[in-house]
Every structure is written in structure tokens, then in C-alpha cells.
PDB file of N, CA and C in Angstrom:
ATOM      1  N   MET A   1       0.713  39.275 -38.037  1.00  0.00           N
ATOM      2  CA  MET A   1      -0.425  38.477 -37.496  1.00  0.00           C
ATOM      3  C   MET A   1      -0.372  37.020 -37.909  1.00  0.00           C
ATOM      4  N   VAL A   2      -1.152  36.303 -37.244  1.00  0.00           N
ATOM      5  CA  VAL A   2      -1.228  34.845 -37.399  1.00  0.00           C
ATOM      6  C   VAL A   2      -2.636  34.437 -37.632  1.00  0.00           C
ATOM      7  N   THR A   3      -3.002  33.649 -38.613  1.00  0.00           N
ATOM      8  CA  THR A   3      -4.322  33.195 -38.807  1.00  0.00           C
ATOM      9  C   THR A   3      -4.455  31.775 -38.381  1.00  0.00           C
ATOM     10  N   LEU A   4      -5.562  31.520 -37.598  1.00  0.00           N
ATOM     11  CA  LEU A   4      -5.824  30.202 -37.103  1.00  0.00           C
ATOM     12  C   LEU A   4      -6.985  29.541 -37.923  1.00  0.00           C
ATOM     13  N   TYR A   5      -6.811  28.250 -38.147  1.00  0.00           N
ATOM     14  CA  TYR A   5      -7.778  27.501 -39.001  1.00  0.00           C
ATOM     15  C   TYR A   5      -8.140  26.242 -38.275  1.00  0.00           C
ATOM     16  N   ASN A   6      -9.410  25.835 -38.488  1.00  0.00           N
ATOM     17  CA  ASN A   6      -9.854  24.447 -38.101  1.00  0.00           C
ATOM     18  C   ASN A   6      -9.222  23.551 -39.104  1.00  0.00           C
ATOM     19  N   ALA A   7      -8.321  22.677 -38.629  1.00  0.00           N
ATOM     20  CA  ALA A   7      -7.521  21.805 -39.566  1.00  0.00           C
ATOM     21  C   ALA A   7      -8.419  20.817 -40.322  1.00  0.00           C
ATOM     22  N   ALA A   8      -9.486  20.445 -39.763  1.00  0.00           N
ATOM     23  CA  ALA A   8     -10.376  19.480 -40.477  1.00  0.00           C
ATOM     24  C   ALA A   8     -11.167  20.039 -41.559  1.00  0.00           C
ATOM     25  N   THR A   9     -11.520  21.410 -41.427  1.00  0.00           N
ATOM     26  CA  THR A   9     -12.402  22.025 -42.437  1.00  0.00           C
ATOM     27  C   THR A   9     -11.670  23.088 -43.230  1.00  0.00           C
ATOM     28  N   ASP A  10     -10.530  23.570 -42.762  1.00  0.00           N
ATOM     29  CA  ASP A  10      -9.833  24.667 -43.356  1.00  0.00           C
ATOM     30  C   ASP A  10     -10.542  26.032 -43.106  1.00  0.00           C
ATOM     31  N   ALA A  11     -11.543  26.033 -42.263  1.00  0.00           N
ATOM     32  CA  ALA A  11     -12.245  27.293 -42.026  1.00  0.00           C
ATOM     33  C   ALA A  11     -11.389  28.172 -41.156  1.00  0.00           C
ATOM     34  N   ARG A  12     -11.343  29.421 -41.506  1.00  0.00           N
ATOM     35  CA  ARG A  12     -10.660  30.417 -40.604  1.00  0.00           C
ATOM     36  C   ARG A  12     -11.437  30.552 -39.294  1.00  0.00           C
ATOM     37  N   VAL A  13     -10.686  30.466 -38.224  1.00  0.00           N
ATOM     38  CA  VAL A  13     -11.389  30.575 -36.894  1.00  0.00           C
ATOM     39  C   VAL A  13     -10.836  31.665 -35.982  1.00  0.00           C
ATOM     40  N   GLY A  14      -9.856  32.435 -36.457  1.00  0.00           N
ATOM     41  CA  GLY A  14      -9.364  33.530 -35.663  1.00  0.00           C
ATOM     42  C   GLY A  14      -7.961  34.061 -36.130  1.00  0.00           C
ATOM     43  N   ARG A  15      -7.592  35.150 -35.491  1.00  0.00           N
ATOM     44  CA  ARG A  15      -6.342  35.785 -35.747  1.00  0.00           C
ATOM     45  C   ARG A  15      -5.679  36.076 -34.359  1.00  0.00           C
ATOM     46  N   ILE A  16      -4.384  35.933 -34.288  1.00  0.00           N
ATOM     47  CA  ILE A  16      -3.639  36.269 -33.080  1.00  0.00           C
ATOM     48  C   ILE A  16      -2.303  36.881 -33.481  1.00  0.00           C
ATOM     49  N   SER A  17      -1.692  37.488 -32.502  1.00  0.00           N
ATOM     50  CA  SER A  17      -0.454  38.124 -32.691  1.00  0.00           C
ATOM     51  C   SER A  17       0.703  37.109 -32.637  1.00  0.00           C
ATOM     52  N   GLN A  18       1.917  37.548 -33.055  1.00  0.00           N
ATOM     53  CA  GLN A  18       3.073  36.666 -32.911  1.00  0.00           C
ATOM     54  C   GLN A  18       3.300  36.286 -31.414  1.00  0.00           C
ATOM     55  N   ALA A  19       3.221  37.240 -30.589  1.00  0.00           N
ATOM     56  CA  ALA A  19       3.410  37.002 -29.127  1.00  0.00           C
ATOM     57  C   ALA A  19       2.408  36.019 -28.587  1.00  0.00           C
ATOM     58  N   GLN A  20       1.141  36.099 -29.053  1.00  0.00           N
ATOM     59  CA  GLN A  20       0.185  35.148 -28.653  1.00  0.00           C
ATOM     60  C   GLN A  20       0.430  33.736 -29.219  1.00  0.00           C
ATOM     61  N   LEU A  21       1.025  33.684 -30.437  1.00  0.00           N
ATOM     62  CA  LEU A  21       1.359  32.453 -31.030  1.00  0.00           C
ATOM     63  C   LEU A  21       2.522  31.803 -30.183  1.00  0.00           C
ATOM     64  N   ASN A  22       3.476  32.589 -29.784  1.00  0.00           N
ATOM     65  CA  ASN A  22       4.559  32.076 -28.991  1.00  0.00           C
ATOM     66  C   ASN A  22       4.029  31.464 -27.716  1.00  0.00           C
ATOM     67  N   ALA A  23       3.008  32.120 -27.083  1.00  0.00           N
ATOM     68  CA  ALA A  23       2.506  31.644 -25.884  1.00  0.00           C
ATOM     69  C   ALA A  23       1.748  30.297 -26.125  1.00  0.00           C
ATOM     70  N   LEU A  24       1.025  30.198 -27.247  1.00  0.00           N
ATOM     71  CA  LEU A  24       0.308  28.966 -27.646  1.00  0.00           C
ATOM     72  C   LEU A  24       1.312  27.884 -27.862  1.00  0.00           C
ATOM     73  N   ILE A  25       2.453  28.109 -28.588  1.00  0.00           N
ATOM     74  CA  ILE A  25       3.462  27.138 -28.875  1.00  0.00           C
ATOM     75  C   ILE A  25       4.068  26.623 -27.554  1.00  0.00           C
ATOM     76  N   ASP A  26       4.253  27.633 -26.676  1.00  0.00           N
ATOM     77  CA  ASP A  26       4.868  27.192 -25.344  1.00  0.00           C
ATOM     78  C   ASP A  26       3.885  26.253 -24.591  1.00  0.00           C
ATOM     79  N   TRP A  27       2.600  26.483 -24.711  1.00  0.00           N
ATOM     80  CA  TRP A  27       1.592  25.684 -24.059  1.00  0.00           C
ATOM     81  C   TRP A  27       1.405  24.310 -24.631  1.00  0.00           C
ATOM     82  N   MET A  28       1.347  24.323 -25.956  1.00  0.00           N
ATOM     83  CA  MET A  28       0.961  23.067 -26.702  1.00  0.00           C
ATOM     84  C   MET A  28       2.151  22.167 -26.922  1.00  0.00           C
ATOM     85  N   GLU A  29       1.894  20.918 -27.198  1.00  0.00           N
ATOM     86  CA  GLU A  29       2.982  19.984 -27.457  1.00  0.00           C
ATOM     87  C   GLU A  29       3.268  19.889 -28.938  1.00  0.00           C
ATOM     88  N   GLU A  30       4.457  20.119 -29.378  1.00  0.00           N
ATOM     89  CA  GLU A  30       4.844  20.048 -30.711  1.00  0.00           C
ATOM     90  C   GLU A  30       5.456  18.727 -31.029  1.00  0.00           C
ATOM     91  N   GLU A  31       5.069  18.100 -32.133  1.00  0.00           N
ATOM     92  CA  GLU A  31       5.677  16.838 -32.560  1.00  0.00           C
ATOM     93  C   GLU A  31       7.070  17.125 -33.110  1.00  0.00           C
ATOM     94  N   ASN A  32       7.308  18.247 -33.744  1.00  0.00           N
ATOM     95  CA  ASN A  32       8.596  18.619 -34.257  1.00  0.00           C
ATOM     96  C   ASN A  32       8.636  20.185 -34.382  1.00  0.00           C
ATOM     97  N   SER A  33       9.754  20.677 -34.686  1.00  0.00           N
ATOM     98  CA  SER A  33       9.914  22.137 -34.784  1.00  0.00           C
ATOM     99  C   SER A  33       9.159  22.813 -35.896  1.00  0.00           C
ATOM    100  N   GLU A  34       8.660  21.993 -36.846  1.00  0.00           N
ATOM    101  CA  GLU A  34       7.940  22.549 -38.003  1.00  0.00           C
ATOM    102  C   GLU A  34       6.430  22.249 -37.893  1.00  0.00           C
ATOM    103  N   ASP A  35       6.013  21.725 -36.723  1.00  0.00           N
ATOM    104  CA  ASP A  35       4.602  21.479 -36.485  1.00  0.00           C
ATOM    105  C   ASP A  35       3.819  22.737 -36.377  1.00  0.00           C
ATOM    106  N   ARG A  36       2.738  22.816 -37.217  1.00  0.00           N
ATOM    107  CA  ARG A  36       1.854  23.924 -37.153  1.00  0.00           C
ATOM    108  C   ARG A  36       0.503  23.600 -36.861  1.00  0.00           C
ATOM    109  N   GLU A  37       0.260  22.424 -36.267  1.00  0.00           N
ATOM    110  CA  GLU A  37      -1.084  21.937 -35.987  1.00  0.00           C
ATOM    111  C   GLU A  37      -1.104  21.426 -34.563  1.00  0.00           C
ATOM    112  N   TYR A  38      -2.155  21.721 -33.889  1.00  0.00           N
ATOM    113  CA  TYR A  38      -2.278  21.387 -32.447  1.00  0.00           C
ATOM    114  C   TYR A  38      -3.694  20.842 -32.159  1.00  0.00           C
ATOM    115  N   TYR A  39      -3.690  19.906 -31.209  1.00  0.00           N
ATOM    116  CA  TYR A  39      -4.977  19.386 -30.681  1.00  0.00           C
ATOM    117  C   TYR A  39      -5.351  20.334 -29.567  1.00  0.00           C
ATOM    118  N   LEU A  40      -6.530  20.990 -29.664  1.00  0.00           N
ATOM    119  CA  LEU A  40      -7.026  21.909 -28.714  1.00  0.00           C
ATOM    120  C   LEU A  40      -8.299  21.366 -28.093  1.00  0.00           C
ATOM    121  N   THR A  41      -8.348  21.517 -26.772  1.00  0.00           N
ATOM    122  CA  THR A  41      -9.568  21.090 -26.076  1.00  0.00           C
ATOM    123  C   THR A  41     -10.078  22.182 -25.259  1.00  0.00           C
ATOM    124  N   SER A  42     -11.411  22.195 -24.858  1.00  0.00           N
ATOM    125  CA  SER A  42     -11.999  23.197 -24.001  1.00  0.00           C
ATOM    126  C   SER A  42     -11.249  23.143 -22.595  1.00  0.00           C
ATOM    127  N   GLU A  43     -10.746  21.925 -22.211  1.00  0.00           N
ATOM    128  CA  GLU A  43      -9.999  21.888 -20.943  1.00  0.00           C
ATOM    129  C   GLU A  43      -8.687  22.681 -21.143  1.00  0.00           C
ATOM    130  N   ASP A  44      -8.028  22.590 -22.229  1.00  0.00           N
ATOM    131  CA  ASP A  44      -6.812  23.420 -22.408  1.00  0.00           C
ATOM    132  C   ASP A  44      -7.112  24.912 -22.170  1.00  0.00           C
ATOM    133  N   CYS A  45      -8.218  25.392 -22.719  1.00  0.00           N
ATOM    134  CA  CYS A  45      -8.600  26.755 -22.546  1.00  0.00           C
ATOM    135  C   CYS A  45      -8.861  27.112 -21.101  1.00  0.00           C
ATOM    136  N   GLU A  46      -9.430  26.127 -20.315  1.00  0.00           N
ATOM    137  CA  GLU A  46      -9.653  26.407 -18.922  1.00  0.00           C
ATOM    138  C   GLU A  46      -8.340  26.459 -18.220  1.00  0.00           C
ATOM    139  N   LEU A  47      -7.435  25.576 -18.472  1.00  0.00           N
ATOM    140  CA  LEU A  47      -6.212  25.561 -17.760  1.00  0.00           C
ATOM    141  C   LEU A  47      -5.285  26.749 -18.167  1.00  0.00           C
ATOM    142  N   MET A  48      -5.313  27.195 -19.393  1.00  0.00           N
ATOM    143  CA  MET A  48      -4.585  28.363 -19.819  1.00  0.00           C
ATOM    144  C   MET A  48      -5.086  29.569 -19.065  1.00  0.00           C
ATOM    145  N   ASP A  49      -6.435  29.710 -18.962  1.00  0.00           N
ATOM    146  CA  ASP A  49      -6.985  30.779 -18.197  1.00  0.00           C
ATOM    147  C   ASP A  49      -6.603  30.802 -16.753  1.00  0.00           C
ATOM    148  N   GLU A  50      -6.569  29.582 -16.093  1.00  0.00           N
ATOM    149  CA  GLU A  50      -6.251  29.411 -14.703  1.00  0.00           C
ATOM    150  C   GLU A  50      -4.806  29.846 -14.505  1.00  0.00           C
ATOM    151  N   GLN A  51      -3.944  29.534 -15.546  1.00  0.00           N
ATOM    152  CA  GLN A  51      -2.507  29.752 -15.363  1.00  0.00           C
ATOM    153  C   GLN A  51      -2.083  31.150 -15.868  1.00  0.00           C
ATOM    154  N   GLY A  52      -3.009  31.968 -16.154  1.00  0.00           N
ATOM    155  CA  GLY A  52      -2.674  33.411 -16.529  1.00  0.00           C
ATOM    156  C   GLY A  52      -2.202  33.635 -17.954  1.00  0.00           C
ATOM    157  N   VAL A  53      -2.412  32.679 -18.847  1.00  0.00           N
ATOM    158  CA  VAL A  53      -2.152  32.893 -20.280  1.00  0.00           C
ATOM    159  C   VAL A  53      -2.956  34.070 -20.770  1.00  0.00           C
ATOM    160  N   ASP A  54      -2.398  34.844 -21.674  1.00  0.00           N
ATOM    161  CA  ASP A  54      -3.073  36.012 -22.255  1.00  0.00           C
ATOM    162  C   ASP A  54      -4.579  35.755 -22.407  1.00  0.00           C
ATOM    163  N   PRO A  55      -5.399  36.538 -21.665  1.00  0.00           N
ATOM    164  CA  PRO A  55      -6.843  36.357 -21.776  1.00  0.00           C
ATOM    165  C   PRO A  55      -7.441  36.500 -23.122  1.00  0.00           C
ATOM    166  N   THR A  56      -6.858  37.374 -23.954  1.00  0.00           N
ATOM    167  CA  THR A  56      -7.426  37.589 -25.360  1.00  0.00           C
ATOM    168  C   THR A  56      -7.141  36.368 -26.196  1.00  0.00           C
ATOM    169  N   LEU A  57      -5.940  35.743 -26.042  1.00  0.00           N
ATOM    170  CA  LEU A  57      -5.641  34.470 -26.692  1.00  0.00           C
ATOM    171  C   LEU A  57      -6.689  33.405 -26.321  1.00  0.00           C
ATOM    172  N   VAL A  58      -6.895  33.211 -24.997  1.00  0.00           N
ATOM    173  CA  VAL A  58      -7.860  32.237 -24.600  1.00  0.00           C
ATOM    174  C   VAL A  58      -9.244  32.485 -25.141  1.00  0.00           C
ATOM    175  N   GLU A  59      -9.663  33.688 -25.205  1.00  0.00           N
ATOM    176  CA  GLU A  59     -10.922  34.087 -25.736  1.00  0.00           C
ATOM    177  C   GLU A  59     -10.961  33.662 -27.270  1.00  0.00           C
ATOM    178  N   VAL A  60      -9.941  33.905 -27.980  1.00  0.00           N
ATOM    179  CA  VAL A  60      -9.957  33.515 -29.363  1.00  0.00           C
ATOM    180  C   VAL A  60     -10.023  31.982 -29.522  1.00  0.00           C
ATOM    181  N   LEU A  61      -9.283  31.319 -28.699  1.00  0.00           N
ATOM    182  CA  LEU A  61      -9.286  29.836 -28.793  1.00  0.00           C
ATOM    183  C   LEU A  61     -10.660  29.299 -28.394  1.00  0.00           C
ATOM    184  N   ARG A  62     -11.281  29.865 -27.411  1.00  0.00           N
ATOM    185  CA  ARG A  62     -12.608  29.416 -27.031  1.00  0.00           C
ATOM    186  C   ARG A  62     -13.595  29.651 -28.150  1.00  0.00           C
ATOM    187  N   ALA A  63     -13.492  30.778 -28.805  1.00  0.00           N
ATOM    188  CA  ALA A  63     -14.345  31.079 -29.939  1.00  0.00           C
ATOM    189  C   ALA A  63     -14.073  30.155 -31.102  1.00  0.00           C
ATOM    190  N   ALA A  64     -12.831  29.803 -31.334  1.00  0.00           N
ATOM    191  CA  ALA A  64     -12.478  28.818 -32.328  1.00  0.00           C
ATOM    192  C   ALA A  64     -13.141  27.534 -32.200  1.00  0.00           C
ATOM    193  N   LEU A  65     -13.212  27.091 -30.881  1.00  0.00           N
ATOM    194  CA  LEU A  65     -13.852  25.793 -30.577  1.00  0.00           C
ATOM    195  C   LEU A  65     -15.365  25.863 -30.829  1.00  0.00           C
ATOM    196  N   GLY A  66     -15.898  27.077 -30.779  1.00  0.00           N
ATOM    197  CA  GLY A  66     -17.275  27.229 -31.123  1.00  0.00           C
ATOM    198  C   GLY A  66     -18.287  26.240 -30.458  1.00  0.00           C
ATOM    199  N   GLY A  67     -18.012  25.991 -29.127  1.00  0.00           N
ATOM    200  CA  GLY A  67     -18.840  25.116 -28.365  1.00  0.00           C
ATOM    201  C   GLY A  67     -18.478  23.625 -28.467  1.00  0.00           C
ATOM    202  N   CYS A  68     -17.540  23.287 -29.321  1.00  0.00           N
ATOM    203  CA  CYS A  68     -17.085  21.939 -29.400  1.00  0.00           C
ATOM    204  C   CYS A  68     -16.130  21.645 -28.257  1.00  0.00           C
ATOM    205  N   ASP A  69     -15.985  20.357 -27.925  1.00  0.00           N
ATOM    206  CA  ASP A  69     -15.033  19.984 -26.838  1.00  0.00           C
ATOM    207  C   ASP A  69     -13.590  20.037 -27.286  1.00  0.00           C
ATOM    208  N   ASP A  70     -13.338  19.792 -28.562  1.00  0.00           N
ATOM    209  CA  ASP A  70     -12.005  19.705 -29.078  1.00  0.00           C
ATOM    210  C   ASP A  70     -11.913  19.933 -30.566  1.00  0.00           C
ATOM    211  N   MET A  71     -10.774  20.190 -31.035  1.00  0.00           N
ATOM    212  CA  MET A  71     -10.511  20.363 -32.501  1.00  0.00           C
ATOM    213  C   MET A  71      -9.035  20.254 -32.812  1.00  0.00           C
ATOM    214  N   ASP A  72      -8.633  20.044 -34.047  1.00  0.00           N
ATOM    215  CA  ASP A  72      -7.311  20.259 -34.499  1.00  0.00           C
ATOM    216  C   ASP A  72      -7.235  21.642 -35.073  1.00  0.00           C
ATOM    217  N   LEU A  73      -6.326  22.423 -34.550  1.00  0.00           N
ATOM    218  CA  LEU A  73      -6.092  23.811 -34.850  1.00  0.00           C
ATOM    219  C   LEU A  73      -4.773  23.959 -35.564  1.00  0.00           C
ATOM    220  N   ARG A  74      -4.756  24.694 -36.683  1.00  0.00           N
ATOM    221  CA  ARG A  74      -3.444  24.971 -37.337  1.00  0.00           C
ATOM    222  C   ARG A  74      -3.332  26.443 -37.538  1.00  0.00           C
ATOM    223  N   TYR A  75      -2.102  26.889 -37.762  1.00  0.00           N
ATOM    224  CA  TYR A  75      -1.884  28.323 -37.972  1.00  0.00           C
ATOM    225  C   TYR A  75      -1.022  28.511 -39.215  1.00  0.00           C
ATOM    226  N   GLU A  76      -1.158  29.709 -39.800  1.00  0.00           N
ATOM    227  CA  GLU A  76      -0.346  30.269 -40.859  1.00  0.00           C
ATOM    228  C   GLU A  76       0.069  31.635 -40.539  1.00  0.00           C
ATOM    229  N   LEU A  77       1.324  31.881 -40.756  1.00  0.00           N
ATOM    230  CA  LEU A  77       1.886  33.215 -40.572  1.00  0.00           C
ATOM    231  C   LEU A  77       1.431  34.085 -41.779  1.00  0.00           C
ATOM    232  N   GLU A  78       0.972  35.294 -41.490  1.00  0.00           N
ATOM    233  CA  GLU A  78       0.618  36.240 -42.592  1.00  0.00           C
ATOM    234  C   GLU A  78       1.870  36.974 -43.033  1.00  0.00           C
ATOM    235  N   GLU A  79       1.884  37.230 -44.286  1.00  0.00           N
ATOM    236  CA  GLU A  79       2.997  38.000 -44.856  1.00  0.00           C
ATOM    237  C   GLU A  79       2.879  39.483 -44.634  1.00  0.00           C
TER     238      GLU A  79
END
């Protein structure tokens, strides 16, 4: 499993599977191959939903936003 955090507050905001993380990585822009932080917007969630990205992943991301328009999201792989 993969834990998602609000990068600004370090608050845990959700958990996703490795497959869902791969979909998120494919969707988001990485600055480098070791990048584990992404800028997420509510518009990203809408576009992911429209393009058929895993609906459970989109739901987790929307919940992570918690009604905000955007956030920096980071992930950590669980051992």
C-alpha cells in the first residue's frame, strides 16, 4: 500500500494501492524520477474522472483535497 500526505501539513490524507500510484504517476508531471510530491487540483480530479482513471483513486484524491481547490500531495511506500 501507499500512504498519501498533505505535503504542507504532513497530515495523512489517504491510502492507495501500487497500481493506483502507478496511474497517478502516469497522470501527474514528475520533476525527476525520484519525485514523490505532486501538485493536485480539483480540476485534475475532474479530468481524471472524465478520462476513465480508476474511480476509487479519484475518490481518494477528492477526499484528500477536502474541499480545497489545490494542494501539494506526497506519497510514501509502506513496508
